[in-house]
C-alpha atoms as a PDB file:
ATOM      1  CA  MET A   1     139.124 124.482 142.903  1.00  0.00           C
ATOM      2  CA  THR A   2     138.656 125.241 146.551  1.00  0.00           C
ATOM      3  CA  THR A   3     135.914 127.702 147.417  1.00  0.00           C
ATOM      4  CA  ALA A   4     138.472 129.807 149.307  1.00  0.00           C
ATOM      5  CA  THR A   5     140.391 130.590 146.127  1.00  0.00           C
ATOM      6  CA  VAL A   6     137.949 132.959 144.437  1.00  0.00           C
ATOM      7  CA  THR A   7     135.383 134.842 146.493  1.00  0.00           C
ATOM      8  CA  LYS A   8     134.450 137.818 144.290  1.00  0.00           C
ATOM      9  CA  ASP A   9     131.602 137.944 141.797  1.00  0.00           C
ATOM     10  CA  LEU A  10     132.334 138.376 138.095  1.00  0.00           C
ATOM     11  CA  PHE A  11     131.907 142.133 137.749  1.00  0.00           C
ATOM     12  CA  THR A  12     133.676 142.937 141.005  1.00  0.00           C
ATOM     13  CA  ALA A  13     136.686 140.981 139.727  1.00  0.00           C
ATOM     14  CA  LEU A  14     136.427 142.781 136.382  1.00  0.00           C
ATOM     15  CA  ARG A  15     136.236 146.237 137.978  1.00  0.00           C
ATOM     16  CA  GLU A  16     139.113 145.568 140.350  1.00  0.00           C
ATOM     17  CA  ARG A  17     141.366 143.956 137.754  1.00  0.00           C
ATOM     18  CA  ARG A  18     144.084 146.522 137.156  1.00  0.00           C
ATOM     19  CA  SER A  19     147.702 146.663 136.056  1.00  0.00           C
ATOM     20  CA  ILE A  20     149.589 146.151 139.315  1.00  0.00           C
ATOM     21  CA  TYR A  21     153.337 146.801 139.045  1.00  0.00           C
ATOM     22  CA  GLY A  22     154.226 146.705 142.729  1.00  0.00           C
ATOM     23  CA  ILE A  23     154.275 142.974 143.523  1.00  0.00           C
ATOM     24  CA  SER A  24     156.141 140.783 146.004  1.00  0.00           C
ATOM     25  CA  LYS A  25     157.368 137.193 146.276  1.00  0.00           C
ATOM     26  CA  GLU A  26     154.331 136.307 148.371  1.00  0.00           C
ATOM     27  CA  SER A  27     151.000 134.749 147.520  1.00  0.00           C
ATOM     28  CA  PRO A  28     147.777 134.633 149.555  1.00  0.00           C
ATOM     29  CA  ILE A  29     146.968 131.258 147.993  1.00  0.00           C
ATOM     30  CA  SER A  30     148.888 128.036 147.390  1.00  0.00           C
ATOM     31  CA  ASP A  31     150.737 127.082 144.217  1.00  0.00           C
ATOM     32  CA  GLN A  32     148.112 124.391 143.659  1.00  0.00           C
ATOM     33  CA  GLU A  33     145.335 126.969 143.779  1.00  0.00           C
ATOM     34  CA  ILE A  34     147.188 129.186 141.306  1.00  0.00           C
ATOM     35  CA  GLN A  35     147.528 126.193 139.000  1.00  0.00           C
ATOM     36  CA  GLU A  36     143.821 125.496 139.357  1.00  0.00           C
ATOM     37  CA  ILE A  37     142.934 129.055 138.339  1.00  0.00           C
ATOM     38  CA  VAL A  38     145.063 128.671 135.211  1.00  0.00           C
ATOM     39  CA  GLU A  39     143.708 125.230 134.364  1.00  0.00           C
ATOM     40  CA  GLU A  40     140.059 126.238 134.860  1.00  0.00           C
ATOM     41  CA  ALA A  41     140.605 129.247 132.607  1.00  0.00           C
ATOM     42  CA  VAL A  42     142.305 127.224 129.879  1.00  0.00           C
ATOM     43  CA  LYS A  43     139.636 124.535 129.997  1.00  0.00           C
ATOM     44  CA  HIS A  44     136.584 126.800 129.876  1.00  0.00           C
ATOM     45  CA  THR A  45     137.597 129.942 127.948  1.00  0.00           C
ATOM     46  CA  PRO A  46     136.008 129.871 124.469  1.00  0.00           C
ATOM     47  CA  SER A  47     137.914 129.760 121.198  1.00  0.00           C
ATOM     48  CA  ALA A  48     136.963 130.145 117.537  1.00  0.00           C
ATOM     49  CA  PHE A  49     135.794 126.839 116.032  1.00  0.00           C
ATOM     50  CA  ASN A  50     136.561 125.354 119.461  1.00  0.00           C
ATOM     51  CA  SER A  51     140.174 125.398 118.297  1.00  0.00           C
ATOM     52  CA  GLN A  52     141.623 125.368 121.842  1.00  0.00           C
ATOM     53  CA  SER A  53     144.793 126.842 120.339  1.00  0.00           C
ATOM     54  CA  THR A  54     146.008 128.699 123.443  1.00  0.00           C
ATOM     55  CA  ARG A  55     148.916 127.231 125.387  1.00  0.00           C
ATOM     56  CA  VAL A  56     149.895 128.478 128.840  1.00  0.00           C
ATOM     57  CA  VAL A  57     153.081 128.023 130.869  1.00  0.00           C
ATOM     58  CA  LEU A  58     153.040 128.798 134.603  1.00  0.00           C
ATOM     59  CA  LEU A  59     156.431 129.728 136.051  1.00  0.00           C
ATOM     60  CA  LEU A  60     156.901 129.801 139.825  1.00  0.00           C
ATOM     61  CA  GLY A  61     159.873 130.244 142.151  1.00  0.00           C
ATOM     62  CA  GLN A  62     163.270 130.052 140.496  1.00  0.00           C
ATOM     63  CA  GLN A  63     161.661 129.384 137.107  1.00  0.00           C
ATOM     64  CA  HIS A  64     159.904 132.753 137.326  1.00  0.00           C
ATOM     65  CA  ASP A  65     163.191 134.430 138.320  1.00  0.00           C
ATOM     66  CA  ARG A  66     164.924 132.805 135.383  1.00  0.00           C
ATOM     67  CA  LEU A  67     162.451 134.288 132.893  1.00  0.00           C
ATOM     68  CA  TRP A  68     163.168 137.851 133.977  1.00  0.00           C
ATOM     69  CA  ASP A  69     166.920 137.204 134.132  1.00  0.00           C
ATOM     70  CA  ILE A  70     166.727 136.028 130.514  1.00  0.00           C
ATOM     71  CA  THR A  71     164.617 139.016 129.501  1.00  0.00           C
ATOM     72  CA  LYS A  72     166.997 141.451 131.190  1.00  0.00           C
ATOM     73  CA  GLU A  73     170.022 140.024 129.385  1.00  0.00           C
ATOM     74  CA  VAL A  74     168.242 140.038 126.022  1.00  0.00           C
ATOM     75  CA  LEU A  75     167.299 143.675 126.511  1.00  0.00           C
ATOM     76  CA  ARG A  76     170.811 144.551 127.665  1.00  0.00           C
ATOM     77  CA  ALA A  77     171.998 143.623 124.172  1.00  0.00           C
ATOM     78  CA  VAL A  78     169.559 145.961 122.411  1.00  0.00           C
ATOM     79  CA  VAL A  79     168.973 148.886 124.787  1.00  0.00           C
ATOM     80  CA  PRO A  80     171.651 151.643 124.760  1.00  0.00           C
ATOM     81  CA  ALA A  81     173.878 151.406 127.837  1.00  0.00           C
ATOM     82  CA  ASP A  82     173.019 154.914 128.999  1.00  0.00           C
ATOM     83  CA  GLN A  83     169.317 154.027 128.978  1.00  0.00           C
ATOM     84  CA  PHE A  84     169.546 150.555 130.462  1.00  0.00           C
ATOM     85  CA  SER A  85     169.193 151.521 134.118  1.00  0.00           C
ATOM     86  CA  SER A  86     165.443 152.142 133.883  1.00  0.00           C
ATOM     87  CA  THR A  87     164.982 148.929 131.883  1.00  0.00           C
ATOM     88  CA  GLU A  88     166.882 146.955 134.531  1.00  0.00           C
ATOM     89  CA  GLN A  89     164.730 148.435 137.276  1.00  0.00           C
ATOM     90  CA  LYS A  90     161.594 147.388 135.428  1.00  0.00           C
ATOM     91  CA  MET A  91     162.885 143.825 134.935  1.00  0.00           C
ATOM     92  CA  ASN A  92     163.800 143.638 138.620  1.00  0.00           C
ATOM     93  CA  SER A  93     160.296 144.763 139.583  1.00  0.00           C
ATOM     94  CA  PHE A  94     158.776 141.924 137.570  1.00  0.00           C
ATOM     95  CA  ARG A  95     161.320 139.475 138.994  1.00  0.00           C
ATOM     96  CA  GLN A  96     160.251 140.574 142.480  1.00  0.00           C
ATOM     97  CA  GLY A  97     156.891 138.927 141.839  1.00  0.00           C
ATOM     98  CA  TYR A  98     155.746 135.461 142.828  1.00  0.00           C
ATOM     99  CA  GLY A  99     155.274 133.977 139.375  1.00  0.00           C
ATOM    100  CA  THR A 100     154.618 134.585 135.693  1.00  0.00           C
ATOM    101  CA  VAL A 101     152.050 133.233 133.266  1.00  0.00           C
ATOM    102  CA  LEU A 102     153.271 132.868 129.673  1.00  0.00           C
ATOM    103  CA  PHE A 103     150.644 132.887 126.921  1.00  0.00           C
ATOM    104  CA  PHE A 104     151.234 131.152 123.586  1.00  0.00           C
ATOM    105  CA  GLU A 105     149.277 130.207 120.475  1.00  0.00           C
ATOM    106  CA  ASP A 106     150.010 126.868 118.818  1.00  0.00           C
ATOM    107  CA  GLN A 107     150.518 127.639 115.137  1.00  0.00           C
ATOM    108  CA  ILE A 108     149.934 124.005 114.154  1.00  0.00           C
ATOM    109  CA  VAL A 109     146.311 124.398 115.251  1.00  0.00           C
ATOM    110  CA  VAL A 110     145.920 127.701 113.402  1.00  0.00           C
ATOM    111  CA  GLU A 111     147.456 126.366 110.189  1.00  0.00           C
ATOM    112  CA  SER A 112     145.363 123.205 110.364  1.00  0.00           C
ATOM    113  CA  LEU A 113     142.170 125.266 110.532  1.00  0.00           C
ATOM    114  CA  GLN A 114     143.351 127.382 107.618  1.00  0.00           C
ATOM    115  CA  LYS A 115     143.670 124.226 105.531  1.00  0.00           C
ATOM    116  CA  GLN A 116     140.325 122.813 106.683  1.00  0.00           C
ATOM    117  CA  PHE A 117     138.417 126.039 106.065  1.00  0.00           C
ATOM    118  CA  PRO A 118     140.208 127.932 103.259  1.00  0.00           C
ATOM    119  CA  LEU A 119     137.345 130.423 102.963  1.00  0.00           C
ATOM    120  CA  TYR A 120     138.328 131.799 106.387  1.00  0.00           C
ATOM    121  CA  GLN A 121     142.074 131.243 106.203  1.00  0.00           C
ATOM    122  CA  ASP A 122     142.931 134.926 106.589  1.00  0.00           C
ATOM    123  CA  ASN A 123     140.792 135.169 109.717  1.00  0.00           C
ATOM    124  CA  PHE A 124     142.223 132.313 111.764  1.00  0.00           C
ATOM    125  CA  PRO A 125     145.406 134.134 112.873  1.00  0.00           C
ATOM    126  CA  VAL A 126     143.217 137.054 113.991  1.00  0.00           C
ATOM    127  CA  TRP A 127     140.740 134.778 115.778  1.00  0.00           C
ATOM    128  CA  SER A 128     143.683 133.040 117.420  1.00  0.00           C
ATOM    129  CA  GLU A 129     144.770 136.370 118.933  1.00  0.00           C
ATOM    130  CA  HIS A 130     141.192 136.948 120.119  1.00  0.00           C
ATOM    131  CA  THR A 131     141.220 133.554 121.805  1.00  0.00           C
ATOM    132  CA  ASN A 132     144.503 134.315 123.543  1.00  0.00           C
ATOM    133  CA  ALA A 133     143.238 137.684 124.736  1.00  0.00           C
ATOM    134  CA  MET A 134     140.221 136.035 126.351  1.00  0.00           C
ATOM    135  CA  HIS A 135     142.504 133.631 128.201  1.00  0.00           C
ATOM    136  CA  GLN A 136     144.608 136.556 129.393  1.00  0.00           C
ATOM    137  CA  LEU A 137     141.585 138.366 130.804  1.00  0.00           C
ATOM    138  CA  VAL A 138     140.071 135.302 132.481  1.00  0.00           C
ATOM    139  CA  ILE A 139     143.354 134.366 134.176  1.00  0.00           C
ATOM    140  CA  TRP A 140     143.993 137.991 135.129  1.00  0.00           C
ATOM    141  CA  MET A 141     140.546 138.240 136.743  1.00  0.00           C
ATOM    142  CA  GLY A 142     141.053 134.902 138.485  1.00  0.00           C
ATOM    143  CA  LEU A 143     144.370 136.003 139.967  1.00  0.00           C
ATOM    144  CA  GLU A 144     142.895 139.336 141.054  1.00  0.00           C
ATOM    145  CA  ALA A 145     139.903 137.664 142.663  1.00  0.00           C
ATOM    146  CA  ALA A 146     142.311 135.473 144.631  1.00  0.00           C
ATOM    147  CA  GLY A 147     144.220 138.489 145.969  1.00  0.00           C
ATOM    148  CA  LEU A 148     147.080 138.604 143.468  1.00  0.00           C
ATOM    149  CA  GLY A 149     148.150 141.639 141.447  1.00  0.00           C
ATOM    150  CA  ALA A 150     149.307 141.254 137.853  1.00  0.00           C
ATOM    151  CA  SER A 151     150.223 143.160 134.707  1.00  0.00           C
ATOM    152  CA  LEU A 152     150.492 142.172 131.062  1.00  0.00           C
ATOM    153  CA  GLN A 153     153.854 142.494 129.303  1.00  0.00           C
ATOM    154  CA  HIS A 154     155.027 141.953 125.729  1.00  0.00           C
ATOM    155  CA  TYR A 155     158.738 141.234 125.378  1.00  0.00           C
ATOM    156  CA  ASN A 156     158.053 138.910 122.482  1.00  0.00           C
ATOM    157  CA  PRO A 157     159.439 138.340 119.917  1.00  0.00           C
ATOM    158  CA  LEU A 158     162.766 139.389 121.457  1.00  0.00           C
ATOM    159  CA  ILE A 159     162.747 136.572 124.012  1.00  0.00           C
ATOM    160  CA  ASP A 160     160.883 133.902 122.049  1.00  0.00           C
ATOM    161  CA  GLU A 161     163.762 131.628 121.135  1.00  0.00           C
ATOM    162  CA  GLN A 162     165.412 131.819 124.558  1.00  0.00           C
ATOM    163  CA  VAL A 163     162.119 130.981 126.275  1.00  0.00           C
ATOM    164  CA  LYS A 164     161.477 127.980 124.031  1.00  0.00           C
ATOM    165  CA  ALA A 165     165.010 126.718 124.574  1.00  0.00           C
ATOM    166  CA  GLU A 166     165.003 127.235 128.354  1.00  0.00           C
ATOM    167  CA  TRP A 167     161.767 125.311 128.925  1.00  0.00           C
ATOM    168  CA  ASN A 168     161.992 122.966 125.931  1.00  0.00           C
ATOM    169  CA  LEU A 169     158.767 124.208 124.375  1.00  0.00           C
ATOM    170  CA  PRO A 170     157.552 123.281 120.890  1.00  0.00           C
ATOM    171  CA  GLU A 171     158.816 125.468 118.073  1.00  0.00           C
ATOM    172  CA  THR A 172     155.230 125.915 116.863  1.00  0.00           C
ATOM    173  CA  TRP A 173     154.217 127.747 120.054  1.00  0.00           C
ATOM    174  CA  LYS A 174     154.112 131.488 119.347  1.00  0.00           C
ATOM    175  CA  LEU A 175     154.679 133.631 122.436  1.00  0.00           C
ATOM    176  CA  ILE A 176     151.976 136.276 122.802  1.00  0.00           C
ATOM    177  CA  ALA A 177     152.350 137.825 126.276  1.00  0.00           C
ATOM    178  CA  GLN A 178     153.839 137.533 129.749  1.00  0.00           C
ATOM    179  CA  MET A 179     151.896 138.140 132.990  1.00  0.00           C
ATOM    180  CA  PRO A 180     154.027 138.613 136.125  1.00  0.00           C
ATOM    181  CA  PHE A 181     152.027 138.427 139.350  1.00  0.00           C
ATOM    182  CA  GLY A 182     152.411 138.507 143.116  1.00  0.00           C
ATOM    183  CA  LYS A 183     150.941 139.923 146.282  1.00  0.00           C
ATOM    184  CA  PRO A 184     150.331 143.649 145.647  1.00  0.00           C
ATOM    185  CA  THR A 185     152.647 146.045 147.458  1.00  0.00           C
ATOM    186  CA  ALA A 186     151.122 149.228 146.021  1.00  0.00           C
ATOM    187  CA  PRO A 187     147.713 150.082 144.565  1.00  0.00           C
ATOM    188  CA  ALA A 188     147.111 150.756 140.898  1.00  0.00           C
ATOM    189  CA  GLY A 189     147.043 154.342 139.708  1.00  0.00           C
ATOM    190  CA  GLU A 190     143.878 156.221 138.868  1.00  0.00           C
ATOM    191  CA  LYS A 191     142.111 155.159 135.692  1.00  0.00           C
ATOM    192  CA  ASP A 192     140.230 157.518 133.414  1.00  0.00           C
ATOM    193  CA  PHE A 193     137.118 156.341 131.607  1.00  0.00           C
ATOM    194  CA  GLN A 194     135.780 157.709 128.354  1.00  0.00           C
ATOM    195  CA  PRO A 195     132.008 158.347 128.353  1.00  0.00           C
ATOM    196  CA  LEU A 196     130.060 155.149 127.788  1.00  0.00           C
ATOM    197  CA  SER A 197     127.745 157.084 125.492  1.00  0.00           C
ATOM    198  CA  GLU A 198     130.665 157.330 123.045  1.00  0.00           C
ATOM    199  CA  ARG A 199     131.567 153.652 123.355  1.00  0.00           C
ATOM    200  CA  VAL A 200     128.240 151.828 123.545  1.00  0.00           C
ATOM    201  CA  LYS A 201     125.270 152.102 121.199  1.00  0.00           C
ATOM    202  CA  VAL A 202     121.925 150.519 122.080  1.00  0.00           C
ATOM    203  CA  PHE A 203     119.074 150.125 119.589  1.00  0.00           C
ATOM    204  CA  ARG A 204     115.589 149.058 120.689  1.00  0.00           C
END
């Protein structure tokens, strides 16, 4: 990864990572640098039992547009017509971005671990979700540190089959989340914080 890609320290990137909904079809970094952020995250983010069960698809350009066209048409079939206008506006706002990261979990890996370690079989699907969440945060922070705004969306399972068919993805990949991103066009809203004294306990 080039040193120009990410210039912020860890906690600055964490503090400034926010849900950014106003995004444009511009990027302050190259497609190659975006790919490197994703690949570094996938390679180095931890996973339970080193399962490496997370799968990531990076959609750019027309492929990104296609995802939100698919999502809009799927939602058109289930959202009442008199309520669809706001849904369409939301889909168009995501489509206005530069790209989307799709997050999956490979169920073959999860099921294999369940068979290998039956004592923990009920935990592996949960740990798989934990693993995916860590990948989401690392990639989100990486994009933010590089000057890109993003948000996390969940139109699964409504779009699962169409996504797998469109990009010829394995049937065993379970779609977990979608992360549209692009150059921010508007700041995030204010964020309220609950008192840390109610959320953190320290014993010495």
